[in-house]
PDB file of N, CA and C in Angstrom:
ATOM      1  N   MET A   1     -41.612  87.511 166.838  1.00  0.00           N
ATOM      2  CA  MET A   1     -41.366  87.440 165.345  1.00  0.00           C
ATOM      3  C   MET A   1     -42.122  86.292 164.700  1.00  0.00           C
ATOM      4  N   LEU A   2     -42.287  85.154 165.421  1.00  0.00           N
ATOM      5  CA  LEU A   2     -43.048  84.055 164.839  1.00  0.00           C
ATOM      6  C   LEU A   2     -44.313  83.805 165.629  1.00  0.00           C
ATOM      7  N   SER A   3     -44.608  84.576 166.616  1.00  0.00           N
ATOM      8  CA  SER A   3     -45.764  84.342 167.543  1.00  0.00           C
ATOM      9  C   SER A   3     -47.070  84.160 166.705  1.00  0.00           C
ATOM     10  N   GLY A   4     -47.589  82.914 166.876  1.00  0.00           N
ATOM     11  CA  GLY A   4     -48.897  82.621 166.178  1.00  0.00           C
ATOM     12  C   GLY A   4     -48.782  82.438 164.709  1.00  0.00           C
ATOM     13  N   ARG A   5     -47.615  82.428 164.121  1.00  0.00           N
ATOM     14  CA  ARG A   5     -47.461  82.311 162.687  1.00  0.00           C
ATOM     15  C   ARG A   5     -47.007  80.929 162.350  1.00  0.00           C
ATOM     16  N   THR A   6     -47.132  80.635 161.007  1.00  0.00           N
ATOM     17  CA  THR A   6     -46.787  79.245 160.507  1.00  0.00           C
ATOM     18  C   THR A   6     -45.398  79.195 160.068  1.00  0.00           C
ATOM     19  N   VAL A   7     -44.738  78.048 160.298  1.00  0.00           N
ATOM     20  CA  VAL A   7     -43.402  77.733 159.847  1.00  0.00           C
ATOM     21  C   VAL A   7     -43.401  76.449 159.048  1.00  0.00           C
ATOM     22  N   LEU A   8     -42.730  76.424 157.959  1.00  0.00           N
ATOM     23  CA  LEU A   8     -42.559  75.243 157.145  1.00  0.00           C
ATOM     24  C   LEU A   8     -41.179  74.705 157.355  1.00  0.00           C
ATOM     25  N   ILE A   9     -41.077  73.401 157.637  1.00  0.00           N
ATOM     26  CA  ILE A   9     -39.799  72.671 157.723  1.00  0.00           C
ATOM     27  C   ILE A   9     -39.799  71.598 156.643  1.00  0.00           C
ATOM     28  N   VAL A  10     -38.797  71.589 155.792  1.00  0.00           N
ATOM     29  CA  VAL A  10     -38.663  70.556 154.799  1.00  0.00           C
ATOM     30  C   VAL A  10     -37.347  69.857 155.084  1.00  0.00           C
ATOM     31  N   GLU A  11     -37.488  68.619 155.610  1.00  0.00           N
ATOM     32  CA  GLU A  11     -36.346  67.862 156.111  1.00  0.00           C
ATOM     33  C   GLU A  11     -36.649  66.371 156.004  1.00  0.00           C
ATOM     34  N   ALA A  12     -35.740  65.602 155.299  1.00  0.00           N
ATOM     35  CA  ALA A  12     -35.982  64.222 155.148  1.00  0.00           C
ATOM     36  C   ALA A  12     -35.903  63.371 156.399  1.00  0.00           C
ATOM     37  N   GLN A  13     -35.100  63.837 157.344  1.00  0.00           N
ATOM     38  CA  GLN A  13     -34.996  63.057 158.614  1.00  0.00           C
ATOM     39  C   GLN A  13     -35.922  63.686 159.640  1.00  0.00           C
ATOM     40  N   TYR A  14     -36.914  62.837 159.961  1.00  0.00           N
ATOM     41  CA  TYR A  14     -37.965  63.282 160.897  1.00  0.00           C
ATOM     42  C   TYR A  14     -37.477  63.802 162.257  1.00  0.00           C
ATOM     43  N   LEU A  15     -36.426  63.101 162.808  1.00  0.00           N
ATOM     44  CA  LEU A  15     -35.876  63.512 164.102  1.00  0.00           C
ATOM     45  C   LEU A  15     -35.226  64.900 164.020  1.00  0.00           C
ATOM     46  N   ILE A  16     -34.602  65.182 162.900  1.00  0.00           N
ATOM     47  CA  ILE A  16     -33.997  66.554 162.774  1.00  0.00           C
ATOM     48  C   ILE A  16     -35.129  67.542 162.721  1.00  0.00           C
ATOM     49  N   ALA A  17     -36.155  67.276 161.922  1.00  0.00           N
ATOM     50  CA  ALA A  17     -37.310  68.194 161.858  1.00  0.00           C
ATOM     51  C   ALA A  17     -37.927  68.408 163.189  1.00  0.00           C
ATOM     52  N   LEU A  18     -38.083  67.398 163.987  1.00  0.00           N
ATOM     53  CA  LEU A  18     -38.670  67.518 165.305  1.00  0.00           C
ATOM     54  C   LEU A  18     -37.776  68.354 166.224  1.00  0.00           C
ATOM     55  N   ASP A  19     -36.458  68.157 166.096  1.00  0.00           N
ATOM     56  CA  ASP A  19     -35.518  68.995 166.886  1.00  0.00           C
ATOM     57  C   ASP A  19     -35.656  70.427 166.481  1.00  0.00           C
ATOM     58  N   LEU A  20     -35.756  70.740 165.203  1.00  0.00           N
ATOM     59  CA  LEU A  20     -35.979  72.075 164.754  1.00  0.00           C
ATOM     60  C   LEU A  20     -37.297  72.660 165.288  1.00  0.00           C
ATOM     61  N   GLN A  21     -38.373  71.876 165.251  1.00  0.00           N
ATOM     62  CA  GLN A  21     -39.606  72.253 165.834  1.00  0.00           C
ATOM     63  C   GLN A  21     -39.446  72.624 167.330  1.00  0.00           C
ATOM     64  N   ASN A  22     -38.756  71.803 168.073  1.00  0.00           N
ATOM     65  CA  ASN A  22     -38.515  72.083 169.524  1.00  0.00           C
ATOM     66  C   ASN A  22     -37.704  73.383 169.681  1.00  0.00           C
ATOM     67  N   THR A  23     -36.743  73.552 168.815  1.00  0.00           N
ATOM     68  CA  THR A  23     -35.952  74.844 168.875  1.00  0.00           C
ATOM     69  C   THR A  23     -36.779  76.040 168.713  1.00  0.00           C
ATOM     70  N   LEU A  24     -37.860  75.924 167.840  1.00  0.00           N
ATOM     71  CA  LEU A  24     -38.718  77.076 167.595  1.00  0.00           C
ATOM     72  C   LEU A  24     -39.678  77.404 168.689  1.00  0.00           C
ATOM     73  N   ASP A  25     -39.877  76.482 169.597  1.00  0.00           N
ATOM     74  CA  ASP A  25     -40.829  76.696 170.657  1.00  0.00           C
ATOM     75  C   ASP A  25     -40.772  78.004 171.412  1.00  0.00           C
ATOM     76  N   PRO A  26     -39.558  78.491 171.744  1.00  0.00           N
ATOM     77  CA  PRO A  26     -39.467  79.824 172.410  1.00  0.00           C
ATOM     78  C   PRO A  26     -40.067  80.984 171.581  1.00  0.00           C
ATOM     79  N   LEU A  27     -40.108  80.802 170.277  1.00  0.00           N
ATOM     80  CA  LEU A  27     -40.628  81.816 169.350  1.00  0.00           C
ATOM     81  C   LEU A  27     -42.118  81.762 169.182  1.00  0.00           C
ATOM     82  N   ASP A  28     -42.745  80.742 169.799  1.00  0.00           N
ATOM     83  CA  ASP A  28     -44.169  80.558 169.826  1.00  0.00           C
ATOM     84  C   ASP A  28     -44.846  80.566 168.532  1.00  0.00           C
ATOM     85  N   PRO A  29     -44.406  79.749 167.549  1.00  0.00           N
ATOM     86  CA  PRO A  29     -45.102  79.658 166.251  1.00  0.00           C
ATOM     87  C   PRO A  29     -46.458  79.094 166.496  1.00  0.00           C
ATOM     88  N   GLY A  30     -47.425  79.516 165.638  1.00  0.00           N
ATOM     89  CA  GLY A  30     -48.813  79.017 165.727  1.00  0.00           C
ATOM     90  C   GLY A  30     -48.889  77.638 165.234  1.00  0.00           C
ATOM     91  N   LYS A  31     -48.159  77.329 164.172  1.00  0.00           N
ATOM     92  CA  LYS A  31     -48.219  75.989 163.531  1.00  0.00           C
ATOM     93  C   LYS A  31     -46.877  75.737 162.875  1.00  0.00           C
ATOM     94  N   VAL A  32     -46.387  74.489 163.072  1.00  0.00           N
ATOM     95  CA  VAL A  32     -45.160  74.034 162.309  1.00  0.00           C
ATOM     96  C   VAL A  32     -45.619  72.905 161.414  1.00  0.00           C
ATOM     97  N   VAL A  33     -45.393  73.101 160.102  1.00  0.00           N
ATOM     98  CA  VAL A  33     -45.695  72.071 159.127  1.00  0.00           C
ATOM     99  C   VAL A  33     -44.346  71.373 158.748  1.00  0.00           C
ATOM    100  N   ILE A  34     -44.348  70.077 158.884  1.00  0.00           N
ATOM    101  CA  ILE A  34     -43.148  69.305 158.512  1.00  0.00           C
ATOM    102  C   ILE A  34     -43.433  68.474 157.310  1.00  0.00           C
ATOM    103  N   ALA A  35     -42.523  68.627 156.306  1.00  0.00           N
ATOM    104  CA  ALA A  35     -42.602  67.913 155.090  1.00  0.00           C
ATOM    105  C   ALA A  35     -41.259  67.162 154.809  1.00  0.00           C
ATOM    106  N   GLN A  36     -41.335  65.971 154.267  1.00  0.00           N
ATOM    107  CA  GLN A  36     -40.159  65.213 154.077  1.00  0.00           C
ATOM    108  C   GLN A  36     -39.339  65.646 152.848  1.00  0.00           C
ATOM    109  N   ASN A  37     -39.993  66.231 151.902  1.00  0.00           N
ATOM    110  CA  ASN A  37     -39.400  66.675 150.640  1.00  0.00           C
ATOM    111  C   ASN A  37     -40.233  67.699 149.973  1.00  0.00           C
ATOM    112  N   PRO A  38     -39.751  68.348 148.918  1.00  0.00           N
ATOM    113  CA  PRO A  38     -40.531  69.377 148.228  1.00  0.00           C
ATOM    114  C   PRO A  38     -41.887  68.915 147.768  1.00  0.00           C
ATOM    115  N   GLY A  39     -41.948  67.698 147.259  1.00  0.00           N
ATOM    116  CA  GLY A  39     -43.282  67.158 146.795  1.00  0.00           C
ATOM    117  C   GLY A  39     -44.214  67.079 147.873  1.00  0.00           C
ATOM    118  N   HIS A  40     -43.781  66.621 149.024  1.00  0.00           N
ATOM    119  CA  HIS A  40     -44.641  66.536 150.226  1.00  0.00           C
ATOM    120  C   HIS A  40     -45.087  67.901 150.664  1.00  0.00           C
ATOM    121  N   ALA A  41     -44.153  68.849 150.626  1.00  0.00           N
ATOM    122  CA  ALA A  41     -44.426  70.209 150.968  1.00  0.00           C
ATOM    123  C   ALA A  41     -45.516  70.839 150.063  1.00  0.00           C
ATOM    124  N   ARG A  42     -45.467  70.514 148.821  1.00  0.00           N
ATOM    125  CA  ARG A  42     -46.449  71.017 147.889  1.00  0.00           C
ATOM    126  C   ARG A  42     -47.775  70.394 148.167  1.00  0.00           C
ATOM    127  N   GLU A  43     -47.821  69.135 148.521  1.00  0.00           N
ATOM    128  CA  GLU A  43     -49.104  68.479 148.916  1.00  0.00           C
ATOM    129  C   GLU A  43     -49.724  69.122 150.095  1.00  0.00           C
ATOM    130  N   LEU A  44     -48.941  69.641 151.029  1.00  0.00           N
ATOM    131  CA  LEU A  44     -49.365  70.297 152.208  1.00  0.00           C
ATOM    132  C   LEU A  44     -49.471  71.800 152.107  1.00  0.00           C
ATOM    133  N   ALA A  45     -49.406  72.343 150.862  1.00  0.00           N
ATOM    134  CA  ALA A  45     -49.320  73.728 150.599  1.00  0.00           C
ATOM    135  C   ALA A  45     -50.371  74.565 151.328  1.00  0.00           C
ATOM    136  N   GLU A  46     -51.623  74.043 151.417  1.00  0.00           N
ATOM    137  CA  GLU A  46     -52.693  74.784 152.051  1.00  0.00           C
ATOM    138  C   GLU A  46     -52.384  75.020 153.517  1.00  0.00           C
ATOM    139  N   ASP A  47     -51.643  74.097 154.151  1.00  0.00           N
ATOM    140  CA  ASP A  47     -51.326  74.270 155.606  1.00  0.00           C
ATOM    141  C   ASP A  47     -50.311  75.279 155.871  1.00  0.00           C
ATOM    142  N   TRP A  48     -49.464  75.606 154.826  1.00  0.00           N
ATOM    143  CA  TRP A  48     -48.414  76.620 155.137  1.00  0.00           C
ATOM    144  C   TRP A  48     -48.386  77.772 154.110  1.00  0.00           C
ATOM    145  N   ALA A  49     -49.501  77.982 153.428  1.00  0.00           N
ATOM    146  CA  ALA A  49     -49.557  79.000 152.285  1.00  0.00           C
ATOM    147  C   ALA A  49     -49.061  80.325 152.721  1.00  0.00           C
ATOM    148  N   ASN A  50     -49.334  80.769 153.900  1.00  0.00           N
ATOM    149  CA  ASN A  50     -48.932  82.126 154.297  1.00  0.00           C
ATOM    150  C   ASN A  50     -47.928  81.991 155.420  1.00  0.00           C
ATOM    151  N   CYS A  51     -46.927  81.121 155.263  1.00  0.00           N
ATOM    152  CA  CYS A  51     -45.943  80.867 156.317  1.00  0.00           C
ATOM    153  C   CYS A  51     -45.037  82.104 156.489  1.00  0.00           C
ATOM    154  N   ALA A  52     -44.552  82.216 157.734  1.00  0.00           N
ATOM    155  CA  ALA A  52     -43.708  83.376 158.069  1.00  0.00           C
ATOM    156  C   ALA A  52     -42.234  83.000 157.877  1.00  0.00           C
ATOM    157  N   LEU A  53     -41.906  81.687 157.813  1.00  0.00           N
ATOM    158  CA  LEU A  53     -40.533  81.207 157.752  1.00  0.00           C
ATOM    159  C   LEU A  53     -40.546  79.824 157.173  1.00  0.00           C
ATOM    160  N   ALA A  54     -39.526  79.532 156.321  1.00  0.00           N
ATOM    161  CA  ALA A  54     -39.349  78.168 155.853  1.00  0.00           C
ATOM    162  C   ALA A  54     -37.860  77.775 156.120  1.00  0.00           C
ATOM    163  N   ILE A  55     -37.695  76.526 156.632  1.00  0.00           N
ATOM    164  CA  ILE A  55     -36.439  75.966 156.797  1.00  0.00           C
ATOM    165  C   ILE A  55     -36.367  74.761 155.889  1.00  0.00           C
ATOM    166  N   VAL A  56     -35.433  74.797 154.899  1.00  0.00           N
ATOM    167  CA  VAL A  56     -35.447  73.782 153.830  1.00  0.00           C
ATOM    168  C   VAL A  56     -34.087  73.117 153.807  1.00  0.00           C
ATOM    169  N   GLU A  57     -34.093  71.814 153.830  1.00  0.00           N
ATOM    170  CA  GLU A  57     -32.897  71.032 153.576  1.00  0.00           C
ATOM    171  C   GLU A  57     -32.422  71.253 152.143  1.00  0.00           C
ATOM    172  N   VAL A  58     -31.132  71.598 152.005  1.00  0.00           N
ATOM    173  CA  VAL A  58     -30.548  71.839 150.687  1.00  0.00           C
ATOM    174  C   VAL A  58     -29.206  71.083 150.600  1.00  0.00           C
ATOM    175  N   GLU A  59     -29.040  70.422 149.461  1.00  0.00           N
ATOM    176  CA  GLU A  59     -27.809  69.748 149.099  1.00  0.00           C
ATOM    177  C   GLU A  59     -27.616  69.916 147.650  1.00  0.00           C
ATOM    178  N   ARG A  60     -26.385  69.916 147.090  1.00  0.00           N
ATOM    179  CA  ARG A  60     -26.083  70.108 145.715  1.00  0.00           C
ATOM    180  C   ARG A  60     -26.811  69.018 144.874  1.00  0.00           C
ATOM    181  N   GLU A  61     -26.938  67.825 145.398  1.00  0.00           N
ATOM    182  CA  GLU A  61     -27.518  66.763 144.603  1.00  0.00           C
ATOM    183  C   GLU A  61     -29.035  66.637 144.771  1.00  0.00           C
ATOM    184  N   LEU A  62     -29.706  67.668 145.388  1.00  0.00           N
ATOM    185  CA  LEU A  62     -31.136  67.666 145.579  1.00  0.00           C
ATOM    186  C   LEU A  62     -31.720  68.873 144.833  1.00  0.00           C
ATOM    187  N   PRO A  63     -31.781  68.833 143.488  1.00  0.00           N
ATOM    188  CA  PRO A  63     -32.219  70.036 142.749  1.00  0.00           C
ATOM    189  C   PRO A  63     -33.647  70.472 143.061  1.00  0.00           C
ATOM    190  N   GLU A  64     -34.556  69.518 143.466  1.00  0.00           N
ATOM    191  CA  GLU A  64     -35.905  69.885 143.778  1.00  0.00           C
ATOM    192  C   GLU A  64     -35.911  70.763 145.036  1.00  0.00           C
ATOM    193  N   HIS A  65     -35.015  70.535 145.993  1.00  0.00           N
ATOM    194  CA  HIS A  65     -34.974  71.306 147.167  1.00  0.00           C
ATOM    195  C   HIS A  65     -34.517  72.704 146.845  1.00  0.00           C
ATOM    196  N   ILE A  66     -33.517  72.809 145.984  1.00  0.00           N
ATOM    197  CA  ILE A  66     -32.953  74.127 145.567  1.00  0.00           C
ATOM    198  C   ILE A  66     -34.071  74.914 144.812  1.00  0.00           C
ATOM    199  N   ALA A  67     -34.799  74.188 143.991  1.00  0.00           N
ATOM    200  CA  ALA A  67     -35.942  74.873 143.288  1.00  0.00           C
ATOM    201  C   ALA A  67     -36.981  75.384 144.251  1.00  0.00           C
ATOM    202  N   LEU A  68     -37.278  74.572 145.308  1.00  0.00           N
ATOM    203  CA  LEU A  68     -38.272  74.992 146.302  1.00  0.00           C
ATOM    204  C   LEU A  68     -37.807  76.251 147.016  1.00  0.00           C
ATOM    205  N   VAL A  69     -36.480  76.382 147.326  1.00  0.00           N
ATOM    206  CA  VAL A  69     -35.976  77.558 147.990  1.00  0.00           C
ATOM    207  C   VAL A  69     -36.236  78.752 147.037  1.00  0.00           C
ATOM    208  N   GLY A  70     -35.994  78.608 145.731  1.00  0.00           N
ATOM    209  CA  GLY A  70     -36.261  79.711 144.792  1.00  0.00           C
ATOM    210  C   GLY A  70     -37.771  80.098 144.788  1.00  0.00           C
ATOM    211  N   GLU A  71     -38.581  79.099 144.734  1.00  0.00           N
ATOM    212  CA  GLU A  71     -40.067  79.362 144.744  1.00  0.00           C
ATOM    213  C   GLU A  71     -40.461  80.162 145.950  1.00  0.00           C
ATOM    214  N   LEU A  72     -39.942  79.703 147.083  1.00  0.00           N
ATOM    215  CA  LEU A  72     -40.330  80.354 148.348  1.00  0.00           C
ATOM    216  C   LEU A  72     -39.831  81.832 148.378  1.00  0.00           C
ATOM    217  N   GLN A  73     -38.612  81.997 147.916  1.00  0.00           N
ATOM    218  CA  GLN A  73     -38.018  83.323 147.896  1.00  0.00           C
ATOM    219  C   GLN A  73     -38.830  84.247 146.984  1.00  0.00           C
ATOM    220  N   ARG A  74     -39.338  83.754 145.844  1.00  0.00           N
ATOM    221  CA  ARG A  74     -40.151  84.590 144.900  1.00  0.00           C
ATOM    222  C   ARG A  74     -41.482  84.917 145.570  1.00  0.00           C
ATOM    223  N   LYS A  75     -41.949  84.141 146.430  1.00  0.00           N
ATOM    224  CA  LYS A  75     -43.200  84.388 147.208  1.00  0.00           C
ATOM    225  C   LYS A  75     -42.982  85.380 148.406  1.00  0.00           C
ATOM    226  N   GLY A  76     -41.704  85.660 148.556  1.00  0.00           N
ATOM    227  CA  GLY A  76     -41.391  86.566 149.712  1.00  0.00           C
ATOM    228  C   GLY A  76     -41.283  85.904 151.068  1.00  0.00           C
ATOM    229  N   VAL A  77     -41.204  84.555 151.048  1.00  0.00           N
ATOM    230  CA  VAL A  77     -41.068  83.858 152.350  1.00  0.00           C
ATOM    231  C   VAL A  77     -39.611  83.835 152.742  1.00  0.00           C
ATOM    232  N   PRO A  78     -39.255  84.315 153.936  1.00  0.00           N
ATOM    233  CA  PRO A  78     -37.852  84.130 154.480  1.00  0.00           C
ATOM    234  C   PRO A  78     -37.500  82.683 154.568  1.00  0.00           C
ATOM    235  N   VAL A  79     -36.337  82.313 154.042  1.00  0.00           N
ATOM    236  CA  VAL A  79     -35.889  80.921 153.992  1.00  0.00           C
ATOM    237  C   VAL A  79     -34.599  80.766 154.639  1.00  0.00           C
ATOM    238  N   ILE A  80     -34.414  79.659 155.404  1.00  0.00           N
ATOM    239  CA  ILE A  80     -33.069  79.262 155.878  1.00  0.00           C
ATOM    240  C   ILE A  80     -32.802  77.916 155.225  1.00  0.00           C
ATOM    241  N   GLY A  81     -31.672  77.782 154.645  1.00  0.00           N
ATOM    242  CA  GLY A  81     -31.211  76.545 154.077  1.00  0.00           C
ATOM    243  C   GLY A  81     -30.523  75.706 155.160  1.00  0.00           C
ATOM    244  N   LEU A  82     -30.849  74.411 155.210  1.00  0.00           N
ATOM    245  CA  LEU A  82     -30.217  73.519 156.215  1.00  0.00           C
ATOM    246  C   LEU A  82     -29.430  72.423 155.429  1.00  0.00           C
ATOM    247  N   THR A  83     -28.162  72.319 155.783  1.00  0.00           N
ATOM    248  CA  THR A  83     -27.297  71.340 155.038  1.00  0.00           C
ATOM    249  C   THR A  83     -26.228  70.732 155.926  1.00  0.00           C
ATOM    250  N   ALA A  84     -25.749  69.618 155.476  1.00  0.00           N
ATOM    251  CA  ALA A  84     -24.551  69.025 156.092  1.00  0.00           C
ATOM    252  C   ALA A  84     -23.306  69.286 155.256  1.00  0.00           C
ATOM    253  N   ASP A  85     -23.468  69.964 154.102  1.00  0.00           N
ATOM    254  CA  ASP A  85     -22.418  70.244 153.174  1.00  0.00           C
ATOM    255  C   ASP A  85     -21.794  71.585 153.503  1.00  0.00           C
ATOM    256  N   VAL A  86     -20.540  71.477 154.127  1.00  0.00           N
ATOM    257  CA  VAL A  86     -19.881  72.707 154.564  1.00  0.00           C
ATOM    258  C   VAL A  86     -19.430  73.600 153.422  1.00  0.00           C
ATOM    259  N   ASP A  87     -19.329  73.061 152.205  1.00  0.00           N
ATOM    260  CA  ASP A  87     -18.912  73.895 151.046  1.00  0.00           C
ATOM    261  C   ASP A  87     -20.073  74.342 150.173  1.00  0.00           C
ATOM    262  N   LEU A  88     -21.313  74.170 150.665  1.00  0.00           N
ATOM    263  CA  LEU A  88     -22.489  74.489 149.867  1.00  0.00           C
ATOM    264  C   LEU A  88     -22.458  75.969 149.467  1.00  0.00           C
ATOM    265  N   GLN A  89     -22.186  76.893 150.383  1.00  0.00           N
ATOM    266  CA  GLN A  89     -22.258  78.300 150.056  1.00  0.00           C
ATOM    267  C   GLN A  89     -21.292  78.624 148.910  1.00  0.00           C
ATOM    268  N   GLN A  90     -20.192  77.901 148.812  1.00  0.00           N
ATOM    269  CA  GLN A  90     -19.276  78.186 147.698  1.00  0.00           C
ATOM    270  C   GLN A  90     -19.824  77.753 146.351  1.00  0.00           C
ATOM    271  N   HIS A  91     -20.742  76.823 146.303  1.00  0.00           N
ATOM    272  CA  HIS A  91     -21.262  76.291 145.087  1.00  0.00           C
ATOM    273  C   HIS A  91     -22.587  76.778 144.679  1.00  0.00           C
ATOM    274  N   LEU A  92     -23.410  77.249 145.618  1.00  0.00           N
ATOM    275  CA  LEU A  92     -24.713  77.776 145.309  1.00  0.00           C
ATOM    276  C   LEU A  92     -24.871  79.174 145.796  1.00  0.00           C
ATOM    277  N   ASN A  93     -25.565  80.009 145.067  1.00  0.00           N
ATOM    278  CA  ASN A  93     -25.759  81.359 145.466  1.00  0.00           C
ATOM    279  C   ASN A  93     -27.173  81.568 145.897  1.00  0.00           C
ATOM    280  N   PHE A  94     -27.389  81.550 147.176  1.00  0.00           N
ATOM    281  CA  PHE A  94     -28.719  81.763 147.762  1.00  0.00           C
ATOM    282  C   PHE A  94     -28.726  83.202 148.378  1.00  0.00           C
ATOM    283  N   THR A  95     -28.830  84.181 147.574  1.00  0.00           N
ATOM    284  CA  THR A  95     -28.872  85.593 148.071  1.00  0.00           C
ATOM    285  C   THR A  95     -30.033  85.747 149.022  1.00  0.00           C
ATOM    286  N   GLY A  96     -29.726  86.232 150.190  1.00  0.00           N
ATOM    287  CA  GLY A  96     -30.778  86.468 151.244  1.00  0.00           C
ATOM    288  C   GLY A  96     -31.237  85.221 151.980  1.00  0.00           C
ATOM    289  N   THR A  97     -30.589  84.073 151.669  1.00  0.00           N
ATOM    290  CA  THR A  97     -31.016  82.852 152.351  1.00  0.00           C
ATOM    291  C   THR A  97     -29.811  82.331 153.121  1.00  0.00           C
ATOM    292  N   PRO A  98     -29.787  82.568 154.409  1.00  0.00           N
ATOM    293  CA  PRO A  98     -28.662  82.029 155.208  1.00  0.00           C
ATOM    294  C   PRO A  98     -28.684  80.490 155.261  1.00  0.00           C
ATOM    295  N   ILE A  99     -27.474  79.923 155.448  1.00  0.00           N
ATOM    296  CA  ILE A  99     -27.276  78.503 155.475  1.00  0.00           C
ATOM    297  C   ILE A  99     -26.936  78.091 156.887  1.00  0.00           C
ATOM    298  N   LEU A 100     -27.646  77.136 157.365  1.00  0.00           N
ATOM    299  CA  LEU A 100     -27.443  76.545 158.672  1.00  0.00           C
ATOM    300  C   LEU A 100     -26.854  75.218 158.558  1.00  0.00           C
ATOM    301  N   LEU A 101     -25.679  74.942 159.146  1.00  0.00           N
ATOM    302  CA  LEU A 101     -25.019  73.634 159.075  1.00  0.00           C
ATOM    303  C   LEU A 101     -25.581  72.651 160.116  1.00  0.00           C
ATOM    304  N   LYS A 102     -25.794  71.429 159.645  1.00  0.00           N
ATOM    305  CA  LYS A 102     -26.179  70.277 160.518  1.00  0.00           C
ATOM    306  C   LYS A 102     -24.959  69.783 161.242  1.00  0.00           C
ATOM    307  N   PRO A 103     -25.027  69.365 162.491  1.00  0.00           N
ATOM    308  CA  PRO A 103     -26.202  69.510 163.260  1.00  0.00           C
ATOM    309  C   PRO A 103     -26.381  70.946 163.681  1.00  0.00           C
ATOM    310  N   ALA A 104     -27.580  71.361 163.825  1.00  0.00           N
ATOM    311  CA  ALA A 104     -27.869  72.796 164.063  1.00  0.00           C
ATOM    312  C   ALA A 104     -28.202  73.021 165.530  1.00  0.00           C
ATOM    313  N   PRO A 105     -27.242  73.498 166.298  1.00  0.00           N
ATOM    314  CA  PRO A 105     -27.524  73.818 167.695  1.00  0.00           C
ATOM    315  C   PRO A 105     -28.648  74.855 167.854  1.00  0.00           C
ATOM    316  N   SER A 106     -29.421  74.670 168.920  1.00  0.00           N
ATOM    317  CA  SER A 106     -30.538  75.581 169.148  1.00  0.00           C
ATOM    318  C   SER A 106     -30.124  77.052 169.133  1.00  0.00           C
ATOM    319  N   GLU A 107     -29.065  77.364 169.841  1.00  0.00           N
ATOM    320  CA  GLU A 107     -28.644  78.780 169.931  1.00  0.00           C
ATOM    321  C   GLU A 107     -28.337  79.376 168.551  1.00  0.00           C
ATOM    322  N   ARG A 108     -27.650  78.583 167.719  1.00  0.00           N
ATOM    323  CA  ARG A 108     -27.262  79.025 166.365  1.00  0.00           C
ATOM    324  C   ARG A 108     -28.516  79.231 165.519  1.00  0.00           C
ATOM    325  N   THR A 109     -29.432  78.316 165.642  1.00  0.00           N
ATOM    326  CA  THR A 109     -30.646  78.391 164.805  1.00  0.00           C
ATOM    327  C   THR A 109     -31.479  79.617 165.210  1.00  0.00           C
ATOM    328  N   LEU A 110     -31.637  79.857 166.473  1.00  0.00           N
ATOM    329  CA  LEU A 110     -32.409  81.034 166.939  1.00  0.00           C
ATOM    330  C   LEU A 110     -31.701  82.301 166.610  1.00  0.00           C
ATOM    331  N   ALA A 111     -30.364  82.308 166.674  1.00  0.00           N
ATOM    332  CA  ALA A 111     -29.676  83.526 166.278  1.00  0.00           C
ATOM    333  C   ALA A 111     -29.768  83.783 164.792  1.00  0.00           C
ATOM    334  N   LEU A 112     -29.748  82.795 163.968  1.00  0.00           N
ATOM    335  CA  LEU A 112     -29.875  82.938 162.553  1.00  0.00           C
ATOM    336  C   LEU A 112     -31.295  83.427 162.174  1.00  0.00           C
ATOM    337  N   ILE A 113     -32.347  82.920 162.865  1.00  0.00           N
ATOM    338  CA  ILE A 113     -33.665  83.393 162.627  1.00  0.00           C
ATOM    339  C   ILE A 113     -33.815  84.844 162.998  1.00  0.00           C
ATOM    340  N   ALA A 114     -33.251  85.203 164.136  1.00  0.00           N
ATOM    341  CA  ALA A 114     -33.319  86.658 164.560  1.00  0.00           C
ATOM    342  C   ALA A 114     -32.636  87.523 163.547  1.00  0.00           C
ATOM    343  N   GLN A 115     -31.494  87.078 163.036  1.00  0.00           N
ATOM    344  CA  GLN A 115     -30.672  87.866 162.087  1.00  0.00           C
ATOM    345  C   GLN A 115     -31.498  87.945 160.786  1.00  0.00           C
ATOM    346  N   LEU A 116     -32.140  86.885 160.386  1.00  0.00           N
ATOM    347  CA  LEU A 116     -32.919  86.877 159.075  1.00  0.00           C
ATOM    348  C   LEU A 116     -34.008  87.877 159.228  1.00  0.00           C
ATOM    349  N   PHE A 117     -34.790  87.891 160.367  1.00  0.00           N
ATOM    350  CA  PHE A 117     -35.906  88.821 160.498  1.00  0.00           C
ATOM    351  C   PHE A 117     -35.358  90.269 160.650  1.00  0.00           C
ATOM    352  N   GLU A 118     -34.242  90.445 161.277  1.00  0.00           N
ATOM    353  CA  GLU A 118     -33.778  91.802 161.409  1.00  0.00           C
ATOM    354  C   GLU A 118     -33.353  92.364 160.022  1.00  0.00           C
ATOM    355  N   THR A 119     -32.762  91.507 159.216  1.00  0.00           N
ATOM    356  CA  THR A 119     -32.416  91.879 157.812  1.00  0.00           C
ATOM    357  C   THR A 119     -33.634  92.187 157.035  1.00  0.00           C
ATOM    358  N   GLN A 120     -34.747  91.472 157.278  1.00  0.00           N
ATOM    359  CA  GLN A 120     -35.983  91.684 156.527  1.00  0.00           C
ATOM    360  C   GLN A 120     -36.577  93.078 156.815  1.00  0.00           C
ATOM    361  N   LYS A 121     -36.349  93.546 158.085  1.00  0.00           N
ATOM    362  CA  LYS A 121     -36.894  94.865 158.467  1.00  0.00           C
ATOM    363  C   LYS A 121     -36.199  96.026 157.691  1.00  0.00           C
ATOM    364  N   GLU A 122     -34.890  95.787 157.360  1.00  0.00           N
ATOM    365  CA  GLU A 122     -34.119  96.883 156.785  1.00  0.00           C
ATOM    366  C   GLU A 122     -34.537  97.185 155.306  1.00  0.00           C
TER     367      GLU A 122
END
């Protein structure tokens, strides 16, 4: 599903981003682009322009992150929201964007990615 394809990770905490990158290893992505925030992601846009998946940190008090999710969705990029806010889904409507709670265990992350791509096929 990700074999040889690019993945964008937008996460302020570099260790969390690296953990996500390691989690993706069994899916054999071609390139993983890590950005600290949406502005940084936009600076690196050439590196992930045709990405197959984006994992974006989202919080209610980070409107730029929420806007980036919307931009990616409009481009047709499958997006997973990453948050520590257990109530986020009740406050934001991310239709078609599953939310992954931090800390994100590898098994849960991989299952959510598989589910997202299965839904995309339908």
